[in-house]
Amino acid sequence: MAERVLARPFGRPVGATDAFALLLLAAIMVMAVLGPWIVPYDPLATDPPAALHPPSGAHLFGTDQLGRDVFSRVIVAARVDLGIAVIAVVATLVLGTALGAVAGWAGGWTDRIVSRLLDTIMAFPLFVLAVGIAAGLGNSVSSIVIATVIVNLPLYARLVRAEINRRRHAGYVEAARLAGAGPVSLVAVHIMPNVAPPLMVLASLNMGWAILNAAGLSFLGLGIRPPQPEWGIMVSEGAGYIISGEWWLFAFPGGMLFLAILCFSLLGDTLREWLDPRRR
């Protein structure tokens, strides 16, 4: 029964793990969209007499060093982290697909130049490169997005380039070419629909890394600026209170960060199985 929790999308039953990932995604989306309207307290309002209170009925996740409600801040922070991740992944998907398609179809010097550019980016440790880019651009949402796009660009571009190289001489592409289709039509209409499934899986898996990247940069002081609620900032602020025993300051935002990354990792595995015709 657990293997048939929901319907049978793409001819495959949805298992318990798939259902958990989808429900977790729905919960995160609700928090991101409705967060400011469903929280019990203003996430920016301070109340010094109530500072560092442990979790209770009045404050489900306790309060921080300024008396702010941690539950409200954790919920509202979902919009910030998820919004950054969505913008960064969509931008990387579009740019990487275009770059990979041009390199894969044109070949020659175009392919060599693009490949060397991608190899240069991948020569650096990804998070270290993201730190350097964000530090150079300054503390802002745009700097996090740009850093995330640059470090993830090779993943999409190399995937699209490899798939187009493999399919450009396929029988159905040659038939379309003989029918008068131009290069843009051949790539966009006849090849890209076959490349879309692995791109969807990659984008889902990359969402978790983008959230972690945004939180990591904010944790180091290179991302979102306080007092804006953000999971990385909250973990960074709570780290200073570990020894004194105020565990809730870092445990709850860290737990939400873990669940968000787990959600997109499981979702990527689910999409891989749904879109694999050999497993239907």
Protein backbone atom coordinates (compact mmCIF):
# COMPACT_ATOMS: atom_id res chain seq x y z
CA MET A 1 0.00 0.00 0.00
CA ALA A 2 2.88 2.37 0.73
CA GLU A 3 4.01 2.02 -2.87
CA ARG A 4 0.67 3.40 -4.08
CA VAL A 5 0.20 6.45 -1.93
CA LEU A 6 -0.89 8.65 -4.81
CA ALA A 7 -1.79 8.11 -8.45
CA ARG A 8 0.49 6.68 -11.12
CA PRO A 9 2.19 9.66 -12.84
CA PHE A 10 4.03 8.73 -16.02
CA GLY A 11 2.89 5.14 -15.57
CA ARG A 12 4.81 4.66 -12.31
CA PRO A 13 3.31 4.42 -8.81
CA VAL A 14 4.34 7.11 -6.34
CA GLY A 15 6.10 5.58 -3.35
CA ALA A 16 6.25 6.79 0.23
CA THR A 17 9.51 8.64 -0.37
CA ASP A 18 8.06 10.38 -3.42
CA ALA A 19 4.97 11.41 -1.47
CA PHE A 20 7.11 12.72 1.39
CA ALA A 21 9.17 14.85 -1.02
CA LEU A 22 6.05 16.28 -2.66
CA LEU A 23 4.38 17.06 0.67
CA LEU A 24 7.55 18.68 1.96
CA LEU A 25 7.78 20.75 -1.21
CA ALA A 26 4.16 21.85 -0.78
CA ALA A 27 4.85 22.89 2.82
CA ILE A 28 7.92 24.92 1.81
CA MET A 29 5.97 26.59 -1.00
CA VAL A 30 3.17 27.53 1.42
CA MET A 31 5.72 29.04 3.82
CA ALA A 32 7.37 30.97 1.00
CA VAL A 33 4.14 32.34 -0.46
CA LEU A 34 2.01 32.87 2.65
CA GLY A 35 4.72 33.23 5.30
CA PRO A 36 4.30 36.95 6.14
CA TRP A 37 0.55 36.48 6.59
CA ILE A 38 0.52 33.29 8.68
CA VAL A 39 3.21 34.06 11.25
CA PRO A 40 2.00 35.02 14.76
CA TYR A 41 4.54 37.84 15.26
CA ASP A 42 6.34 40.49 13.27
CA PRO A 43 9.69 38.83 12.40
CA LEU A 44 11.51 42.16 12.79
CA ALA A 45 9.84 43.33 16.03
CA THR A 46 12.18 43.27 19.03
CA ASP A 47 11.14 42.67 22.66
CA PRO A 48 14.22 42.83 24.94
CA PRO A 49 12.42 41.59 28.11
CA ALA A 50 11.48 38.40 26.23
CA ALA A 51 15.00 37.75 24.89
CA LEU A 52 16.36 34.18 24.82
CA HIS A 53 13.18 32.52 26.05
CA PRO A 54 13.09 28.78 25.27
CA PRO A 55 10.33 27.22 23.11
CA SER A 56 6.91 27.57 24.72
CA GLY A 57 3.24 27.92 23.88
CA ALA A 58 3.67 31.64 23.25
CA HIS A 59 6.80 31.19 21.13
CA LEU A 60 6.94 27.78 19.47
CA PHE A 61 10.61 28.07 18.54
CA GLY A 62 11.59 30.40 21.38
CA THR A 63 13.00 33.92 21.02
CA ASP A 64 16.40 35.21 19.97
CA GLN A 65 18.82 37.60 21.66
CA LEU A 66 16.65 40.59 20.74
CA GLY A 67 13.36 38.99 21.77
CA ARG A 68 12.25 38.30 18.19
CA ASP A 69 10.06 35.26 17.60
CA VAL A 70 12.24 32.55 16.02
CA PHE A 71 9.25 30.68 14.55
CA SER A 72 8.09 33.77 12.65
CA ARG A 73 11.59 34.46 11.38
CA VAL A 74 12.12 30.86 10.23
CA ILE A 75 8.84 30.86 8.29
CA VAL A 76 9.41 34.24 6.64
CA ALA A 77 13.00 33.30 5.75
CA ALA A 78 11.68 30.55 3.48
CA ARG A 79 10.58 33.19 0.96
CA VAL A 80 14.06 34.74 0.86
CA ASP A 81 16.02 31.51 0.45
CA LEU A 82 13.58 29.85 -1.93
CA GLY A 83 13.23 33.03 -3.99
CA ILE A 84 16.99 33.35 -4.42
CA ALA A 85 17.28 29.68 -5.36
CA VAL A 86 14.45 29.82 -7.93
CA ILE A 87 15.80 32.96 -9.62
CA ALA A 88 19.35 31.60 -9.69
CA VAL A 89 18.37 28.16 -11.02
CA VAL A 90 16.05 29.55 -13.72
CA ALA A 91 18.71 32.03 -14.87
CA THR A 92 21.37 29.31 -14.91
CA LEU A 93 19.05 26.95 -16.80
CA VAL A 94 18.36 29.53 -19.52
CA LEU A 95 21.95 30.73 -19.90
CA GLY A 96 23.49 27.27 -19.61
CA THR A 97 21.06 25.80 -22.14
CA ALA A 98 21.73 28.57 -24.64
CA LEU A 99 25.51 28.37 -24.20
CA GLY A 100 25.57 24.58 -24.42
CA ALA A 101 23.29 24.55 -27.47
CA VAL A 102 25.49 27.03 -29.36
CA ALA A 103 28.68 25.13 -28.48
CA GLY A 104 27.21 21.72 -29.26
CA TRP A 105 25.66 22.68 -32.58
CA ALA A 106 28.31 25.06 -33.94
CA GLY A 107 31.34 22.99 -32.95
CA GLY A 108 34.79 24.13 -34.09
CA TRP A 109 36.32 27.19 -32.44
CA THR A 110 33.03 28.14 -30.82
CA ASP A 111 32.93 24.82 -29.02
CA ARG A 112 36.58 25.10 -28.00
CA ILE A 113 36.19 28.61 -26.58
CA VAL A 114 33.05 27.74 -24.63
CA SER A 115 34.58 24.51 -23.33
CA ARG A 116 37.73 26.29 -22.12
CA LEU A 117 35.59 28.92 -20.38
CA LEU A 118 33.58 26.23 -18.60
CA ASP A 119 36.74 24.33 -17.68
CA THR A 120 38.18 27.51 -16.16
CA ILE A 121 35.13 27.94 -13.95
CA MET A 122 35.20 24.30 -12.88
CA ALA A 123 38.91 24.51 -12.02
CA PHE A 124 37.99 26.41 -8.84
CA PRO A 125 36.26 24.87 -5.82
CA LEU A 126 32.67 25.96 -6.43
CA PHE A 127 31.87 27.44 -3.03
CA VAL A 128 35.24 29.20 -2.83
CA LEU A 129 34.55 30.75 -6.23
CA ALA A 130 31.08 31.79 -5.06
CA VAL A 131 32.61 33.41 -1.96
CA GLY A 132 35.06 35.36 -4.09
CA ILE A 133 32.37 36.58 -6.49
CA ALA A 134 29.99 37.57 -3.69
CA ALA A 135 32.77 39.36 -1.80
CA GLY A 136 33.66 41.32 -4.91
CA LEU A 137 30.08 42.31 -5.72
CA GLY A 138 29.04 43.19 -2.15
CA ASN A 139 26.27 42.12 0.21
CA SER A 140 23.05 41.87 -1.78
CA VAL A 141 20.58 39.40 -3.21
CA SER A 142 21.86 40.10 -6.71
CA SER A 143 25.43 39.16 -5.74
CA ILE A 144 24.24 35.80 -4.38
CA VAL A 145 22.26 35.14 -7.56
CA ILE A 146 25.16 36.08 -9.84
CA ALA A 147 27.61 33.96 -7.85
CA THR A 148 25.25 30.99 -7.93
CA VAL A 149 24.65 31.35 -11.67
CA ILE A 150 28.34 31.51 -12.51
CA VAL A 151 29.41 28.49 -10.45
CA ASN A 152 26.52 26.34 -11.73
CA LEU A 153 26.69 27.40 -15.39
CA PRO A 154 29.09 24.60 -16.46
CA LEU A 155 26.74 21.89 -15.17
CA TYR A 156 23.93 22.88 -17.54
CA ALA A 157 26.08 23.95 -20.48
CA ARG A 158 28.12 20.74 -20.52
CA LEU A 159 25.00 18.59 -20.24
CA VAL A 160 23.25 20.34 -23.15
CA ARG A 161 26.42 20.38 -25.24
CA ALA A 162 26.95 16.64 -24.77
CA GLU A 163 23.33 15.78 -25.58
CA ILE A 164 23.28 17.92 -28.74
CA ASN A 165 26.59 16.45 -29.92
CA ARG A 166 25.13 12.99 -29.45
CA ARG A 167 21.83 13.70 -31.22
CA ARG A 168 22.71 16.19 -33.98
CA HIS A 169 23.22 13.40 -36.52
CA ALA A 170 20.31 11.23 -35.38
CA GLY A 171 17.89 9.99 -38.02
CA TYR A 172 14.97 12.19 -36.98
CA VAL A 173 17.22 15.28 -37.00
CA GLU A 174 18.50 14.49 -40.50
CA ALA A 175 14.92 13.95 -41.66
CA ALA A 176 13.91 17.34 -40.30
CA ARG A 177 16.94 18.94 -41.95
CA LEU A 178 15.97 17.44 -45.31
CA ALA A 179 12.44 18.77 -44.78
CA GLY A 180 13.86 22.28 -44.65
CA ALA A 181 14.19 22.95 -40.92
CA GLY A 182 16.84 25.50 -39.97
CA PRO A 183 19.43 25.21 -37.17
CA VAL A 184 17.28 27.01 -34.60
CA SER A 185 14.28 24.82 -35.39
CA LEU A 186 16.36 21.65 -35.33
CA VAL A 187 17.77 22.43 -31.90
CA ALA A 188 14.68 23.95 -30.27
CA VAL A 189 11.97 21.72 -31.71
CA HIS A 190 13.62 18.40 -32.46
CA ILE A 191 16.54 18.04 -30.03
CA MET A 192 15.73 20.04 -26.89
CA PRO A 193 12.55 18.09 -25.99
CA ASN A 194 14.80 15.04 -25.59
CA VAL A 195 17.25 17.03 -23.44
CA ALA A 196 14.54 18.48 -21.18
CA PRO A 197 14.13 15.48 -18.81
CA PRO A 198 17.77 15.40 -17.60
CA LEU A 199 17.71 19.20 -17.35
CA MET A 200 14.63 19.02 -15.11
CA VAL A 201 16.36 16.51 -12.83
CA LEU A 202 19.50 18.63 -12.69
CA ALA A 203 17.52 21.78 -11.91
CA SER A 204 15.67 20.06 -9.06
CA LEU A 205 18.90 18.77 -7.52
CA ASN A 206 20.53 22.15 -8.07
CA MET A 207 17.76 23.92 -6.13
CA GLY A 208 19.02 22.35 -2.91
CA TRP A 209 22.59 23.44 -3.62
CA ALA A 210 21.41 26.97 -4.46
CA ILE A 211 19.60 27.23 -1.12
CA LEU A 212 22.68 25.93 0.69
CA ASN A 213 24.89 28.35 -1.25
CA ALA A 214 22.71 31.32 -0.31
CA ALA A 215 22.64 30.27 3.34
CA GLY A 216 26.40 29.62 3.36
CA LEU A 217 27.22 33.05 1.93
CA SER A 218 24.89 34.72 4.43
CA PHE A 219 26.46 32.68 7.24
CA LEU A 220 29.86 34.13 6.27
CA GLY A 221 28.46 37.66 6.14
CA LEU A 222 28.55 37.89 2.33
CA GLY A 223 24.85 37.53 1.56
CA ILE A 224 21.67 38.93 3.04
CA ARG A 225 22.18 41.60 5.66
CA PRO A 226 20.56 41.50 9.13
CA PRO A 227 17.91 42.03 10.37
CA GLN A 228 16.37 40.39 7.29
CA PRO A 229 15.25 36.86 8.28
CA GLU A 230 17.38 34.29 6.47
CA TRP A 231 18.30 30.78 7.53
CA GLY A 232 22.06 31.24 7.13
CA ILE A 233 22.07 34.46 9.15
CA MET A 234 19.98 32.86 11.89
CA VAL A 235 22.34 29.88 12.14
CA SER A 236 25.31 32.25 12.27
CA GLU A 237 23.73 34.34 15.03
CA GLY A 238 22.71 31.26 16.98
CA ALA A 239 26.17 29.68 16.77
CA GLY A 240 27.43 32.10 19.39
CA TYR A 241 24.91 30.79 21.91
CA ILE A 242 25.69 27.07 21.59
CA ILE A 243 27.90 26.99 24.69
CA SER A 244 25.42 28.92 26.82
CA GLY A 245 22.65 26.42 25.99
CA GLU A 246 20.27 28.43 23.78
CA TRP A 247 20.11 25.58 21.26
CA TRP A 248 16.88 26.69 19.60
CA LEU A 249 18.55 29.71 18.01
CA PHE A 250 20.46 27.55 15.53
CA ALA A 251 18.61 24.23 15.68
CA PHE A 252 15.32 25.37 14.09
CA PRO A 253 16.72 27.45 11.18
CA GLY A 254 19.36 24.75 10.63
CA GLY A 255 16.63 22.10 10.65
CA MET A 256 14.60 24.00 8.07
CA LEU A 257 17.69 24.36 5.90
CA PHE A 258 18.25 20.60 6.15
CA LEU A 259 14.63 19.82 5.25
CA ALA A 260 14.67 22.16 2.24
CA ILE A 261 17.84 20.58 0.84
CA LEU A 262 16.51 17.08 1.55
CA CYS A 263 13.24 17.97 -0.19
CA PHE A 264 14.88 18.94 -3.47
CA SER A 265 17.33 16.04 -3.34
CA LEU A 266 14.45 13.58 -2.99
CA LEU A 267 12.47 15.44 -5.64
CA GLY A 268 15.38 15.13 -8.06
CA ASP A 269 15.55 11.37 -7.46
CA THR A 270 11.78 11.15 -7.94
CA LEU A 271 11.91 13.04 -11.25
CA ARG A 272 14.78 10.87 -12.44
CA GLU A 273 12.69 7.75 -11.91
CA TRP A 274 9.49 9.26 -13.32
CA LEU A 275 11.21 10.48 -16.49
CA ASP A 276 13.27 7.34 -17.10
CA PRO A 277 11.33 5.24 -19.66
CA ARG A 278 13.22 2.10 -18.57
CA ARG A 279 11.59 2.31 -15.11
CA ARG A 280 8.00 2.89 -16.15
